[in-house]
PDB file of all heavy atoms in Angstrom:
ATOM      1  N   VAL A   1     -15.447   9.940 -10.574  1.00  0.00           N
ATOM      2  CA  VAL A   1     -15.123  10.969  -9.579  1.00  0.00           C
ATOM      3  C   VAL A   1     -14.296  12.034 -10.301  1.00  0.00           C
ATOM      4  O   VAL A   1     -13.098  11.850 -10.518  1.00  0.00           O
ATOM      5  CB  VAL A   1     -14.331  10.367  -8.396  1.00  0.00           C
ATOM      6  CG1 VAL A   1     -14.083  11.492  -7.341  1.00  0.00           C
ATOM      7  CG2 VAL A   1     -15.006   9.197  -7.759  1.00  0.00           C
ATOM      8  N   PRO A   2     -14.968  13.143 -10.706  1.00  0.00           N
ATOM      9  CA  PRO A   2     -14.245  14.166 -11.499  1.00  0.00           C
ATOM     10  C   PRO A   2     -13.181  14.875 -10.598  1.00  0.00           C
ATOM     11  O   PRO A   2     -13.425  15.138  -9.420  1.00  0.00           O
ATOM     12  CB  PRO A   2     -15.335  15.163 -11.835  1.00  0.00           C
ATOM     13  CG  PRO A   2     -16.601  14.444 -11.634  1.00  0.00           C
ATOM     14  CD  PRO A   2     -16.375  13.438 -10.595  1.00  0.00           C
ATOM     15  N   ARG A   3     -12.058  15.077 -11.222  1.00  0.00           N
ATOM     16  CA  ARG A   3     -10.992  15.924 -10.540  1.00  0.00           C
ATOM     17  C   ARG A   3     -11.561  17.363 -10.446  1.00  0.00           C
ATOM     18  O   ARG A   3     -12.274  17.825 -11.294  1.00  0.00           O
ATOM     19  CB  ARG A   3      -9.753  15.932 -11.423  1.00  0.00           C
ATOM     20  CG  ARG A   3      -9.000  14.648 -11.459  1.00  0.00           C
ATOM     21  CD  ARG A   3      -7.867  14.730 -12.461  1.00  0.00           C
ATOM     22  NE  ARG A   3      -7.063  13.518 -12.538  1.00  0.00           N
ATOM     23  CZ  ARG A   3      -5.943  13.382 -11.840  1.00  0.00           C
ATOM     24  NH1 ARG A   3      -5.440  14.339 -11.067  1.00  0.00           N
ATOM     25  NH2 ARG A   3      -5.208  12.237 -11.993  1.00  0.00           N
ATOM     26  N   GLN A   4     -11.195  18.051  -9.304  1.00  0.00           N
ATOM     27  CA  GLN A   4     -11.673  19.373  -9.087  1.00  0.00           C
ATOM     28  C   GLN A   4     -10.553  20.328  -8.810  1.00  0.00           C
ATOM     29  O   GLN A   4      -9.603  20.027  -8.168  1.00  0.00           O
ATOM     30  CB  GLN A   4     -12.663  19.361  -7.925  1.00  0.00           C
ATOM     31  CG  GLN A   4     -13.918  18.567  -8.198  1.00  0.00           C
ATOM     32  CD  GLN A   4     -14.922  18.605  -7.049  1.00  0.00           C
ATOM     33  OE1 GLN A   4     -15.134  19.669  -6.410  1.00  0.00           O
ATOM     34  NE2 GLN A   4     -15.501  17.487  -6.714  1.00  0.00           N
ATOM     35  N   LYS A   5     -10.734  21.522  -9.322  1.00  0.00           N
ATOM     36  CA  LYS A   5      -9.683  22.548  -9.195  1.00  0.00           C
ATOM     37  C   LYS A   5      -9.488  22.962  -7.743  1.00  0.00           C
ATOM     38  O   LYS A   5      -8.356  23.144  -7.305  1.00  0.00           O
ATOM     39  CB  LYS A   5     -10.094  23.791 -10.010  1.00  0.00           C
ATOM     40  CG  LYS A   5      -9.059  24.927  -9.961  1.00  0.00           C
ATOM     41  CD  LYS A   5      -9.396  26.144 -10.696  1.00  0.00           C
ATOM     42  CE  LYS A   5      -8.269  27.105 -10.464  1.00  0.00           C
ATOM     43  NZ  LYS A   5      -8.492  28.378 -11.083  1.00  0.00           N
ATOM     44  N   LYS A   6     -10.559  23.061  -6.931  1.00  0.00           N
ATOM     45  CA  LYS A   6     -10.472  23.523  -5.577  1.00  0.00           C
ATOM     46  C   LYS A   6      -9.566  22.592  -4.754  1.00  0.00           C
ATOM     47  O   LYS A   6      -9.062  22.972  -3.687  1.00  0.00           O
ATOM     48  CB  LYS A   6     -11.779  23.678  -4.945  1.00  0.00           C
ATOM     49  CG  LYS A   6     -12.541  22.392  -4.653  1.00  0.00           C
ATOM     50  CD  LYS A   6     -13.936  22.780  -4.016  1.00  0.00           C
ATOM     51  CE  LYS A   6     -14.750  21.522  -3.755  1.00  0.00           C
ATOM     52  NZ  LYS A   6     -16.070  21.882  -3.260  1.00  0.00           N
ATOM     53  N   PHE A   7      -9.329  21.361  -5.169  1.00  0.00           N
ATOM     54  CA  PHE A   7      -8.458  20.391  -4.490  1.00  0.00           C
ATOM     55  C   PHE A   7      -7.118  20.292  -5.175  1.00  0.00           C
ATOM     56  O   PHE A   7      -6.299  19.374  -4.923  1.00  0.00           O
ATOM     57  CB  PHE A   7      -9.091  19.002  -4.438  1.00  0.00           C
ATOM     58  CG  PHE A   7     -10.406  19.008  -3.651  1.00  0.00           C
ATOM     59  CD1 PHE A   7     -11.557  18.704  -4.334  1.00  0.00           C
ATOM     60  CD2 PHE A   7     -10.455  19.298  -2.283  1.00  0.00           C
ATOM     61  CE1 PHE A   7     -12.796  18.679  -3.624  1.00  0.00           C
ATOM     62  CE2 PHE A   7     -11.623  19.283  -1.630  1.00  0.00           C
ATOM     63  CZ  PHE A   7     -12.854  18.963  -2.302  1.00  0.00           C
ATOM     64  N   ASN A   8      -6.824  21.179  -6.145  1.00  0.00           N
ATOM     65  CA  ASN A   8      -5.599  21.155  -6.943  1.00  0.00           C
ATOM     66  C   ASN A   8      -5.395  19.825  -7.658  1.00  0.00           C
ATOM     67  O   ASN A   8      -4.253  19.393  -7.832  1.00  0.00           O
ATOM     68  CB  ASN A   8      -4.390  21.496  -6.044  1.00  0.00           C
ATOM     69  CG  ASN A   8      -4.422  22.854  -5.501  1.00  0.00           C
ATOM     70  OD1 ASN A   8      -4.683  23.861  -6.241  1.00  0.00           O
ATOM     71  ND2 ASN A   8      -4.218  23.053  -4.216  1.00  0.00           N
ATOM     72  N   GLU A   9      -6.516  19.269  -8.169  1.00  0.00           N
ATOM     73  CA  GLU A   9      -6.456  18.011  -8.865  1.00  0.00           C
ATOM     74  C   GLU A   9      -6.418  18.244 -10.424  1.00  0.00           C
ATOM     75  O   GLU A   9      -6.116  17.341 -11.143  1.00  0.00           O
ATOM     76  CB  GLU A   9      -7.718  17.153  -8.517  1.00  0.00           C
ATOM     77  CG  GLU A   9      -7.730  16.794  -7.050  1.00  0.00           C
ATOM     78  CD  GLU A   9      -9.091  16.361  -6.575  1.00  0.00           C
ATOM     79  OE1 GLU A   9     -10.102  16.466  -7.288  1.00  0.00           O
ATOM     80  OE2 GLU A   9      -9.156  15.789  -5.451  1.00  0.00           O
ATOM     81  N   HIS A  10      -6.730  19.445 -10.783  1.00  0.00           N
ATOM     82  CA  HIS A  10      -6.695  19.787 -12.217  1.00  0.00           C
ATOM     83  C   HIS A  10      -6.678  21.328 -12.359  1.00  0.00           C
ATOM     84  O   HIS A  10      -6.818  22.038 -11.358  1.00  0.00           O
ATOM     85  CB  HIS A  10      -7.973  19.261 -12.940  1.00  0.00           C
ATOM     86  CG  HIS A  10      -7.656  18.740 -14.304  1.00  0.00           C
ATOM     87  ND1 HIS A  10      -7.016  19.475 -15.289  1.00  0.00           N
ATOM     88  CD2 HIS A  10      -7.857  17.529 -14.910  1.00  0.00           C
ATOM     89  CE1 HIS A  10      -6.852  18.759 -16.390  1.00  0.00           C
ATOM     90  NE2 HIS A  10      -7.384  17.539 -16.142  1.00  0.00           N
ATOM     91  N   VAL A  11      -6.423  21.824 -13.550  1.00  0.00           N
ATOM     92  CA  VAL A  11      -6.255  23.230 -13.795  1.00  0.00           C
ATOM     93  C   VAL A  11      -7.576  23.997 -13.798  1.00  0.00           C
ATOM     94  O   VAL A  11      -7.598  25.196 -13.626  1.00  0.00           O
ATOM     95  CB  VAL A  11      -5.527  23.488 -15.101  1.00  0.00           C
ATOM     96  CG1 VAL A  11      -4.079  22.965 -15.077  1.00  0.00           C
ATOM     97  CG2 VAL A  11      -6.248  22.953 -16.319  1.00  0.00           C
ATOM     98  N   ASN A  12      -8.720  23.279 -14.010  1.00  0.00           N
ATOM     99  CA  ASN A  12     -10.062  23.865 -13.966  1.00  0.00           C
ATOM    100  C   ASN A  12     -11.045  22.747 -13.644  1.00  0.00           C
ATOM    101  O   ASN A  12     -10.666  21.635 -13.325  1.00  0.00           O
ATOM    102  CB  ASN A  12     -10.367  24.561 -15.282  1.00  0.00           C
ATOM    103  CG  ASN A  12     -10.330  23.644 -16.460  1.00  0.00           C
ATOM    104  OD1 ASN A  12     -10.653  22.453 -16.436  1.00  0.00           O
ATOM    105  ND2 ASN A  12      -9.904  24.237 -17.639  1.00  0.00           N
ATOM    106  N   ASP A  13     -12.323  23.038 -13.727  1.00  0.00           N
ATOM    107  CA  ASP A  13     -13.367  22.078 -13.381  1.00  0.00           C
ATOM    108  C   ASP A  13     -14.074  21.465 -14.590  1.00  0.00           C
ATOM    109  O   ASP A  13     -15.207  21.021 -14.511  1.00  0.00           O
ATOM    110  CB  ASP A  13     -14.394  22.700 -12.459  1.00  0.00           C
ATOM    111  CG  ASP A  13     -13.896  22.881 -11.017  1.00  0.00           C
ATOM    112  OD1 ASP A  13     -13.063  22.018 -10.584  1.00  0.00           O
ATOM    113  OD2 ASP A  13     -14.357  23.795 -10.348  1.00  0.00           O
ATOM    114  N   HIS A  14     -13.364  21.374 -15.697  1.00  0.00           N
ATOM    115  CA  HIS A  14     -13.974  20.826 -16.940  1.00  0.00           C
ATOM    116  C   HIS A  14     -14.457  19.375 -16.766  1.00  0.00           C
ATOM    117  O   HIS A  14     -15.549  19.053 -17.251  1.00  0.00           O
ATOM    118  CB  HIS A  14     -13.009  20.900 -18.102  1.00  0.00           C
ATOM    119  CG  HIS A  14     -11.912  20.006 -18.090  1.00  0.00           C
ATOM    120  ND1 HIS A  14     -10.744  20.241 -17.374  1.00  0.00           N
ATOM    121  CD2 HIS A  14     -11.736  18.749 -18.665  1.00  0.00           C
ATOM    122  CE1 HIS A  14      -9.917  19.205 -17.541  1.00  0.00           C
ATOM    123  NE2 HIS A  14     -10.486  18.294 -18.327  1.00  0.00           N
ATOM    124  N   GLN A  15     -13.770  18.567 -15.961  1.00  0.00           N
ATOM    125  CA  GLN A  15     -14.239  17.205 -15.694  1.00  0.00           C
ATOM    126  C   GLN A  15     -15.535  17.177 -14.968  1.00  0.00           C
ATOM    127  O   GLN A  15     -16.497  16.436 -15.325  1.00  0.00           O
ATOM    128  CB  GLN A  15     -13.167  16.368 -14.983  1.00  0.00           C
ATOM    129  CG  GLN A  15     -11.979  15.939 -15.726  1.00  0.00           C
ATOM    130  CD  GLN A  15     -11.147  14.940 -14.990  1.00  0.00           C
ATOM    131  OE1 GLN A  15     -11.382  14.542 -13.887  1.00  0.00           O
ATOM    132  NE2 GLN A  15     -10.067  14.507 -15.627  1.00  0.00           N
ATOM    133  N   LEU A  16     -15.657  18.060 -13.964  1.00  0.00           N
ATOM    134  CA  LEU A  16     -16.891  18.108 -13.219  1.00  0.00           C
ATOM    135  C   LEU A  16     -18.082  18.549 -14.035  1.00  0.00           C
ATOM    136  O   LEU A  16     -19.144  17.945 -14.046  1.00  0.00           O
ATOM    137  CB  LEU A  16     -16.640  19.167 -12.071  1.00  0.00           C
ATOM    138  CG  LEU A  16     -17.739  19.324 -11.062  1.00  0.00           C
ATOM    139  CD1 LEU A  16     -18.050  18.017 -10.321  1.00  0.00           C
ATOM    140  CD2 LEU A  16     -17.381  20.424 -10.042  1.00  0.00           C
ATOM    141  N   PHE A  17     -17.892  19.637 -14.804  1.00  0.00           N
ATOM    142  CA  PHE A  17     -18.988  20.122 -15.669  1.00  0.00           C
ATOM    143  C   PHE A  17     -19.363  19.122 -16.736  1.00  0.00           C
ATOM    144  O   PHE A  17     -20.541  18.941 -17.026  1.00  0.00           O
ATOM    145  CB  PHE A  17     -18.606  21.481 -16.311  1.00  0.00           C
ATOM    146  CG  PHE A  17     -18.266  22.571 -15.276  1.00  0.00           C
ATOM    147  CD1 PHE A  17     -17.218  23.396 -15.470  1.00  0.00           C
ATOM    148  CD2 PHE A  17     -19.063  22.707 -14.139  1.00  0.00           C
ATOM    149  CE1 PHE A  17     -16.935  24.411 -14.541  1.00  0.00           C
ATOM    150  CE2 PHE A  17     -18.759  23.681 -13.162  1.00  0.00           C
ATOM    151  CZ  PHE A  17     -17.685  24.516 -13.408  1.00  0.00           C
ATOM    152  N   PHE A  18     -18.396  18.538 -17.356  1.00  0.00           N
ATOM    153  CA  PHE A  18     -18.618  17.543 -18.407  1.00  0.00           C
ATOM    154  C   PHE A  18     -19.361  16.316 -17.879  1.00  0.00           C
ATOM    155  O   PHE A  18     -20.373  15.925 -18.482  1.00  0.00           O
ATOM    156  CB  PHE A  18     -17.282  17.135 -19.058  1.00  0.00           C
ATOM    157  CG  PHE A  18     -17.393  16.145 -20.155  1.00  0.00           C
ATOM    158  CD1 PHE A  18     -18.007  16.495 -21.343  1.00  0.00           C
ATOM    159  CD2 PHE A  18     -16.907  14.885 -20.045  1.00  0.00           C
ATOM    160  CE1 PHE A  18     -18.113  15.596 -22.434  1.00  0.00           C
ATOM    161  CE2 PHE A  18     -17.012  13.979 -21.099  1.00  0.00           C
ATOM    162  CZ  PHE A  18     -17.610  14.326 -22.274  1.00  0.00           C
ATOM    163  N   CYS A  19     -18.960  15.798 -16.789  1.00  0.00           N
ATOM    164  CA  CYS A  19     -19.623  14.617 -16.182  1.00  0.00           C
ATOM    165  C   CYS A  19     -21.024  14.928 -15.707  1.00  0.00           C
ATOM    166  O   CYS A  19     -21.931  14.081 -15.907  1.00  0.00           O
ATOM    167  CB  CYS A  19     -18.746  14.057 -15.044  1.00  0.00           C
ATOM    168  SG  CYS A  19     -17.220  13.308 -15.580  1.00  0.00           S
ATOM    169  N   ARG A  20     -21.211  16.127 -15.139  1.00  0.00           N
ATOM    170  CA  ARG A  20     -22.605  16.496 -14.728  1.00  0.00           C
ATOM    171  C   ARG A  20     -23.509  16.571 -15.977  1.00  0.00           C
ATOM    172  O   ARG A  20     -24.647  16.121 -15.904  1.00  0.00           O
ATOM    173  CB  ARG A  20     -22.574  17.845 -14.052  1.00  0.00           C
ATOM    174  CG  ARG A  20     -22.063  17.870 -12.656  1.00  0.00           C
ATOM    175  CD  ARG A  20     -22.073  19.291 -12.146  1.00  0.00           C
ATOM    176  NE  ARG A  20     -21.665  19.391 -10.763  1.00  0.00           N
ATOM    177  CZ  ARG A  20     -21.246  20.553 -10.223  1.00  0.00           C
ATOM    178  NH1 ARG A  20     -21.307  21.673 -10.866  1.00  0.00           N
ATOM    179  NH2 ARG A  20     -20.862  20.566  -8.922  1.00  0.00           N
ATOM    180  N   GLU A  21     -23.004  17.115 -17.031  1.00  0.00           N
ATOM    181  CA  GLU A  21     -23.809  17.241 -18.263  1.00  0.00           C
ATOM    182  C   GLU A  21     -24.148  15.883 -18.836  1.00  0.00           C
ATOM    183  O   GLU A  21     -25.280  15.642 -19.252  1.00  0.00           O
ATOM    184  CB  GLU A  21     -23.070  18.100 -19.271  1.00  0.00           C
ATOM    185  CG  GLU A  21     -23.906  18.412 -20.517  1.00  0.00           C
ATOM    186  CD  GLU A  21     -25.179  19.184 -20.319  1.00  0.00           C
ATOM    187  OE1 GLU A  21     -25.288  19.943 -19.342  1.00  0.00           O
ATOM    188  OE2 GLU A  21     -26.095  19.022 -21.152  1.00  0.00           O
ATOM    189  N   LEU A  22     -23.107  14.957 -18.868  1.00  0.00           N
ATOM    190  CA  LEU A  22     -23.392  13.627 -19.401  1.00  0.00           C
ATOM    191  C   LEU A  22     -24.419  12.967 -18.581  1.00  0.00           C
ATOM    192  O   LEU A  22     -25.335  12.299 -19.104  1.00  0.00           O
ATOM    193  CB  LEU A  22     -22.065  12.841 -19.470  1.00  0.00           C
ATOM    194  CG  LEU A  22     -21.101  13.239 -20.541  1.00  0.00           C
ATOM    195  CD1 LEU A  22     -19.824  12.376 -20.369  1.00  0.00           C
ATOM    196  CD2 LEU A  22     -21.647  13.109 -21.916  1.00  0.00           C
ATOM    197  N   HIS A  23     -24.257  13.054 -17.266  1.00  0.00           N
ATOM    198  CA  HIS A  23     -25.261  12.369 -16.357  1.00  0.00           C
ATOM    199  C   HIS A  23     -26.670  12.946 -16.549  1.00  0.00           C
ATOM    200  O   HIS A  23     -27.649  12.202 -16.629  1.00  0.00           O
ATOM    201  CB  HIS A  23     -24.843  12.574 -14.915  1.00  0.00           C
ATOM    202  CG  HIS A  23     -25.732  11.863 -13.922  1.00  0.00           C
ATOM    203  ND1 HIS A  23     -25.783  10.516 -13.832  1.00  0.00           N
ATOM    204  CD2 HIS A  23     -26.590  12.373 -13.015  1.00  0.00           C
ATOM    205  CE1 HIS A  23     -26.672  10.163 -12.863  1.00  0.00           C
ATOM    206  NE2 HIS A  23     -27.206  11.298 -12.390  1.00  0.00           N
ATOM    207  N   LYS A  24     -26.720  14.262 -16.679  1.00  0.00           N
ATOM    208  CA  LYS A  24     -28.049  14.913 -16.891  1.00  0.00           C
ATOM    209  C   LYS A  24     -28.688  14.491 -18.217  1.00  0.00           C
ATOM    210  O   LYS A  24     -29.893  14.277 -18.276  1.00  0.00           O
ATOM    211  CB  LYS A  24     -27.852  16.444 -16.945  1.00  0.00           C
ATOM    212  CG  LYS A  24     -29.075  17.257 -17.072  1.00  0.00           C
ATOM    213  CD  LYS A  24     -28.788  18.749 -16.886  1.00  0.00           C
ATOM    214  CE  LYS A  24     -28.507  19.295 -18.301  1.00  0.00           C
ATOM    215  NZ  LYS A  24     -28.277  20.772 -18.260  1.00  0.00           N
ATOM    216  N   ARG A  25     -27.865  14.143 -19.210  1.00  0.00           N
ATOM    217  CA  ARG A  25     -28.426  13.673 -20.501  1.00  0.00           C
ATOM    218  C   ARG A  25     -28.594  12.161 -20.511  1.00  0.00           C
ATOM    219  O   ARG A  25     -28.927  11.610 -21.535  1.00  0.00           O
ATOM    220  CB  ARG A  25     -27.410  14.056 -21.605  1.00  0.00           C
ATOM    221  CG  ARG A  25     -27.376  15.525 -21.833  1.00  0.00           C
ATOM    222  CD  ARG A  25     -26.422  15.869 -22.930  1.00  0.00           C
ATOM    223  NE  ARG A  25     -26.295  17.314 -23.094  1.00  0.00           N
ATOM    224  CZ  ARG A  25     -26.115  17.936 -24.241  1.00  0.00           C
ATOM    225  NH1 ARG A  25     -25.973  17.228 -25.352  1.00  0.00           N
ATOM    226  NH2 ARG A  25     -26.030  19.231 -24.245  1.00  0.00           N
ATOM    227  N   GLY A  26     -28.441  11.514 -19.386  1.00  0.00           N
ATOM    228  CA  GLY A  26     -28.758  10.086 -19.321  1.00  0.00           C
ATOM    229  C   GLY A  26     -27.614   9.134 -19.642  1.00  0.00           C
ATOM    230  O   GLY A  26     -27.821   7.951 -19.752  1.00  0.00           O
ATOM    231  N   PHE A  27     -26.386   9.674 -19.764  1.00  0.00           N
ATOM    232  CA  PHE A  27     -25.268   8.816 -19.988  1.00  0.00           C
ATOM    233  C   PHE A  27     -25.057   7.886 -18.864  1.00  0.00           C
ATOM    234  O   PHE A  27     -25.140   8.267 -17.698  1.00  0.00           O
ATOM    235  CB  PHE A  27     -23.997   9.722 -20.260  1.00  0.00           C
ATOM    236  CG  PHE A  27     -22.924   9.065 -21.057  1.00  0.00           C
ATOM    237  CD1 PHE A  27     -23.107   9.037 -22.444  1.00  0.00           C
ATOM    238  CD2 PHE A  27     -21.775   8.550 -20.505  1.00  0.00           C
ATOM    239  CE1 PHE A  27     -22.070   8.436 -23.217  1.00  0.00           C
ATOM    240  CE2 PHE A  27     -20.824   8.017 -21.243  1.00  0.00           C
ATOM    241  CZ  PHE A  27     -20.908   7.980 -22.635  1.00  0.00           C
ATOM    242  N   PRO A  28     -24.821   6.586 -19.066  1.00  0.00           N
ATOM    243  CA  PRO A  28     -24.765   5.602 -17.953  1.00  0.00           C
ATOM    244  C   PRO A  28     -23.478   5.673 -17.133  1.00  0.00           C
ATOM    245  O   PRO A  28     -22.657   4.786 -17.194  1.00  0.00           O
ATOM    246  CB  PRO A  28     -24.875   4.326 -18.695  1.00  0.00           C
ATOM    247  CG  PRO A  28     -24.258   4.536 -20.063  1.00  0.00           C
ATOM    248  CD  PRO A  28     -24.627   6.005 -20.360  1.00  0.00           C
ATOM    249  N   ILE A  29     -23.334   6.766 -16.391  1.00  0.00           N
ATOM    250  CA  ILE A  29     -22.215   6.853 -15.423  1.00  0.00           C
ATOM    251  C   ILE A  29     -22.818   7.320 -14.117  1.00  0.00           C
ATOM    252  O   ILE A  29     -23.840   7.981 -14.036  1.00  0.00           O
ATOM    253  CB  ILE A  29     -21.111   7.865 -15.922  1.00  0.00           C
ATOM    254  CG1 ILE A  29     -21.689   9.290 -16.080  1.00  0.00           C
ATOM    255  CG2 ILE A  29     -20.480   7.365 -17.151  1.00  0.00           C
ATOM    256  CD1 ILE A  29     -20.655  10.347 -16.402  1.00  0.00           C
ATOM    257  N   LYS A  30     -22.129   6.903 -13.015  1.00  0.00           N
ATOM    258  CA  LYS A  30     -22.538   7.343 -11.630  1.00  0.00           C
ATOM    259  C   LYS A  30     -21.487   8.390 -11.285  1.00  0.00           C
ATOM    260  O   LYS A  30     -20.364   8.116 -11.084  1.00  0.00           O
ATOM    261  CB  LYS A  30     -22.506   6.153 -10.732  1.00  0.00           C
ATOM    262  CG  LYS A  30     -22.823   6.501  -9.315  1.00  0.00           C
ATOM    263  CD  LYS A  30     -24.333   6.726  -9.174  1.00  0.00           C
ATOM    264  CE  LYS A  30     -24.685   6.964  -7.736  1.00  0.00           C
ATOM    265  NZ  LYS A  30     -26.022   7.515  -7.576  1.00  0.00           N
ATOM    266  N   VAL A  31     -21.909   9.679 -11.194  1.00  0.00           N
ATOM    267  CA  VAL A  31     -21.032  10.796 -10.866  1.00  0.00           C
ATOM    268  C   VAL A  31     -20.993  11.018  -9.390  1.00  0.00           C
ATOM    269  O   VAL A  31     -22.014  11.123  -8.779  1.00  0.00           O
ATOM    270  CB  VAL A  31     -21.436  12.058 -11.633  1.00  0.00           C
ATOM    271  CG1 VAL A  31     -20.443  13.196 -11.303  1.00  0.00           C
ATOM    272  CG2 VAL A  31     -21.494  11.803 -13.121  1.00  0.00           C
ATOM    273  N   VAL A  32     -19.808  11.025  -8.797  1.00  0.00           N
ATOM    274  CA  VAL A  32     -19.623  11.190  -7.394  1.00  0.00           C
ATOM    275  C   VAL A  32     -18.630  12.411  -7.180  1.00  0.00           C
ATOM    276  O   VAL A  32     -17.529  12.351  -7.671  1.00  0.00           O
ATOM    277  CB  VAL A  32     -18.999   9.930  -6.706  1.00  0.00           C
ATOM    278  CG1 VAL A  32     -18.689  10.233  -5.236  1.00  0.00           C
ATOM    279  CG2 VAL A  32     -19.909   8.778  -6.864  1.00  0.00           C
ATOM    280  N   GLU A  33     -19.107  13.430  -6.521  1.00  0.00           N
ATOM    281  CA  GLU A  33     -18.346  14.665  -6.379  1.00  0.00           C
ATOM    282  C   GLU A  33     -17.651  14.818  -5.051  1.00  0.00           C
ATOM    283  O   GLU A  33     -16.778  15.627  -4.887  1.00  0.00           O
ATOM    284  CB  GLU A  33     -19.233  15.868  -6.603  1.00  0.00           C
ATOM    285  CG  GLU A  33     -19.879  15.901  -7.999  1.00  0.00           C
ATOM    286  CD  GLU A  33     -20.705  17.165  -8.247  1.00  0.00           C
ATOM    287  OE1 GLU A  33     -20.466  18.136  -7.533  1.00  0.00           O
ATOM    288  OE2 GLU A  33     -21.636  17.080  -9.146  1.00  0.00           O
ATOM    289  N   ASP A  34     -18.012  13.957  -4.066  1.00  0.00           N
ATOM    290  CA  ASP A  34     -17.415  14.149  -2.772  1.00  0.00           C
ATOM    291  C   ASP A  34     -17.147  12.779  -2.114  1.00  0.00           C
ATOM    292  O   ASP A  34     -17.794  11.766  -2.497  1.00  0.00           O
ATOM    293  CB  ASP A  34     -18.204  15.054  -1.831  1.00  0.00           C
ATOM    294  CG  ASP A  34     -19.620  14.465  -1.603  1.00  0.00           C
ATOM    295  OD1 ASP A  34     -19.719  13.519  -0.718  1.00  0.00           O
ATOM    296  OD2 ASP A  34     -20.561  14.865  -2.266  1.00  0.00           O
ATOM    297  N   GLU A  35     -16.252  12.783  -1.174  1.00  0.00           N
ATOM    298  CA  GLU A  35     -15.856  11.540  -0.523  1.00  0.00           C
ATOM    299  C   GLU A  35     -16.989  10.882   0.233  1.00  0.00           C
ATOM    300  O   GLU A  35     -17.102   9.667   0.291  1.00  0.00           O
ATOM    301  CB  GLU A  35     -14.665  11.792   0.490  1.00  0.00           C
ATOM    302  CG  GLU A  35     -13.464  12.425  -0.125  1.00  0.00           C
ATOM    303  CD  GLU A  35     -13.524  13.941  -0.151  1.00  0.00           C
ATOM    304  OE1 GLU A  35     -14.226  14.484  -1.021  1.00  0.00           O
ATOM    305  OE2 GLU A  35     -12.906  14.596   0.689  1.00  0.00           O
ATOM    306  N   GLY A  36     -17.831  11.688   0.898  1.00  0.00           N
ATOM    307  CA  GLY A  36     -18.969  11.123   1.684  1.00  0.00           C
ATOM    308  C   GLY A  36     -19.881  10.336   0.808  1.00  0.00           C
ATOM    309  O   GLY A  36     -20.326   9.225   1.194  1.00  0.00           O
ATOM    310  N   SER A  37     -20.152  10.788  -0.418  1.00  0.00           N
ATOM    311  CA  SER A  37     -21.004  10.068  -1.325  1.00  0.00           C
ATOM    312  C   SER A  37     -20.341   8.737  -1.711  1.00  0.00           C
ATOM    313  O   SER A  37     -21.011   7.741  -1.890  1.00  0.00           O
ATOM    314  CB  SER A  37     -21.276  10.861  -2.590  1.00  0.00           C
ATOM    315  OG  SER A  37     -22.042  12.034  -2.247  1.00  0.00           O
ATOM    316  N   LEU A  38     -18.990   8.757  -1.880  1.00  0.00           N
ATOM    317  CA  LEU A  38     -18.307   7.547  -2.208  1.00  0.00           C
ATOM    318  C   LEU A  38     -18.458   6.466  -1.087  1.00  0.00           C
ATOM    319  O   LEU A  38     -18.661   5.316  -1.381  1.00  0.00           O
ATOM    320  CB  LEU A  38     -16.906   7.828  -2.559  1.00  0.00           C
ATOM    321  CG  LEU A  38     -16.077   6.811  -3.325  1.00  0.00           C
ATOM    322  CD1 LEU A  38     -16.830   6.411  -4.630  1.00  0.00           C
ATOM    323  CD2 LEU A  38     -14.722   7.334  -3.692  1.00  0.00           C
ATOM    324  N   TYR A  39     -18.298   6.967   0.146  1.00  0.00           N
ATOM    325  CA  TYR A  39     -18.485   6.051   1.287  1.00  0.00           C
ATOM    326  C   TYR A  39     -19.868   5.423   1.261  1.00  0.00           C
ATOM    327  O   TYR A  39     -20.045   4.203   1.452  1.00  0.00           O
ATOM    328  CB  TYR A  39     -18.341   6.815   2.597  1.00  0.00           C
ATOM    329  CG  TYR A  39     -16.988   6.884   3.173  1.00  0.00           C
ATOM    330  CD1 TYR A  39     -16.083   7.930   2.826  1.00  0.00           C
ATOM    331  CD2 TYR A  39     -16.551   5.944   4.096  1.00  0.00           C
ATOM    332  CE1 TYR A  39     -14.776   7.957   3.377  1.00  0.00           C
ATOM    333  CE2 TYR A  39     -15.270   5.993   4.635  1.00  0.00           C
ATOM    334  CZ  TYR A  39     -14.429   7.023   4.297  1.00  0.00           C
ATOM    335  OH  TYR A  39     -13.138   7.064   4.841  1.00  0.00           O
ATOM    336  N   ASN A  40     -20.887   6.263   0.980  1.00  0.00           N
ATOM    337  CA  ASN A  40     -22.283   5.794   0.987  1.00  0.00           C
ATOM    338  C   ASN A  40     -22.514   4.752  -0.123  1.00  0.00           C
ATOM    339  O   ASN A  40     -23.091   3.751   0.086  1.00  0.00           O
ATOM    340  CB  ASN A  40     -23.252   6.975   0.804  1.00  0.00           C
ATOM    341  CG  ASN A  40     -23.316   7.787   2.063  1.00  0.00           C
ATOM    342  OD1 ASN A  40     -23.007   7.351   3.172  1.00  0.00           O
ATOM    343  ND2 ASN A  40     -23.657   9.041   1.959  1.00  0.00           N
ATOM    344  N   ILE A  41     -22.014   5.066  -1.317  1.00  0.00           N
ATOM    345  CA  ILE A  41     -22.249   4.149  -2.458  1.00  0.00           C
ATOM    346  C   ILE A  41     -21.559   2.840  -2.180  1.00  0.00           C
ATOM    347  O   ILE A  41     -22.131   1.751  -2.459  1.00  0.00           O
ATOM    348  CB  ILE A  41     -21.697   4.810  -3.770  1.00  0.00           C
ATOM    349  CG1 ILE A  41     -22.575   5.934  -4.174  1.00  0.00           C
ATOM    350  CG2 ILE A  41     -21.556   3.824  -4.849  1.00  0.00           C
ATOM    351  CD1 ILE A  41     -22.055   6.816  -5.284  1.00  0.00           C
ATOM    352  N   LEU A  42     -20.296   2.878  -1.754  1.00  0.00           N
ATOM    353  CA  LEU A  42     -19.552   1.663  -1.563  1.00  0.00           C
ATOM    354  C   LEU A  42     -19.941   0.840  -0.328  1.00  0.00           C
ATOM    355  O   LEU A  42     -19.740  -0.301  -0.159  1.00  0.00           O
ATOM    356  CB  LEU A  42     -18.071   1.874  -1.619  1.00  0.00           C
ATOM    357  CG  LEU A  42     -17.533   2.364  -2.959  1.00  0.00           C
ATOM    358  CD1 LEU A  42     -16.120   2.797  -2.868  1.00  0.00           C
ATOM    359  CD2 LEU A  42     -17.759   1.346  -4.064  1.00  0.00           C
ATOM    360  N   GLY A  43     -20.545   1.589   0.630  1.00  0.00           N
ATOM    361  CA  GLY A  43     -20.900   1.011   1.944  1.00  0.00           C
ATOM    362  C   GLY A  43     -22.140   0.254   1.948  1.00  0.00           C
ATOM    363  O   GLY A  43     -22.339  -0.673   2.809  1.00  0.00           O
TER     364      GLY A  43
END
């Protein structure tokens, strides 16, 4: 779950961009950007 600037969790969105890119390249991580998706995955 990348920290996001819009929620004042980090100074910029580098975690978000980095994780999206890794996922796009097939890196074995499950990227979750919002709380609703986390509910769905864990539910």
